[in-house]
Amino acid sequence: MSNAQFFTALCLPLVVFIIGLYHQNTGIRDLRTELIQFRSEINARFLSIDAKFDTLTGQSSGH
């Protein structure tokens, strides 16, 4: 086995593995960003409902 073949046999799977980890990490980052956005939207909806409830009950919203 020549040096080039040995290098290719050793490094090619490692490079493919590293690329796979990068893509997996990118997907996790995207999912985390979407979850943070979803949480913010839900929080805004609950704040809106809370304000409407306070208006209906005549309470101030300064809990």
Foldseek 3Di string as FASTA:
>chain_A
DDPVVVCCVPCVVVVVVVVVVVVVVVVVVVVVVVVVVVVVVVVVVVVVVLVVVCVVVVHDPPD
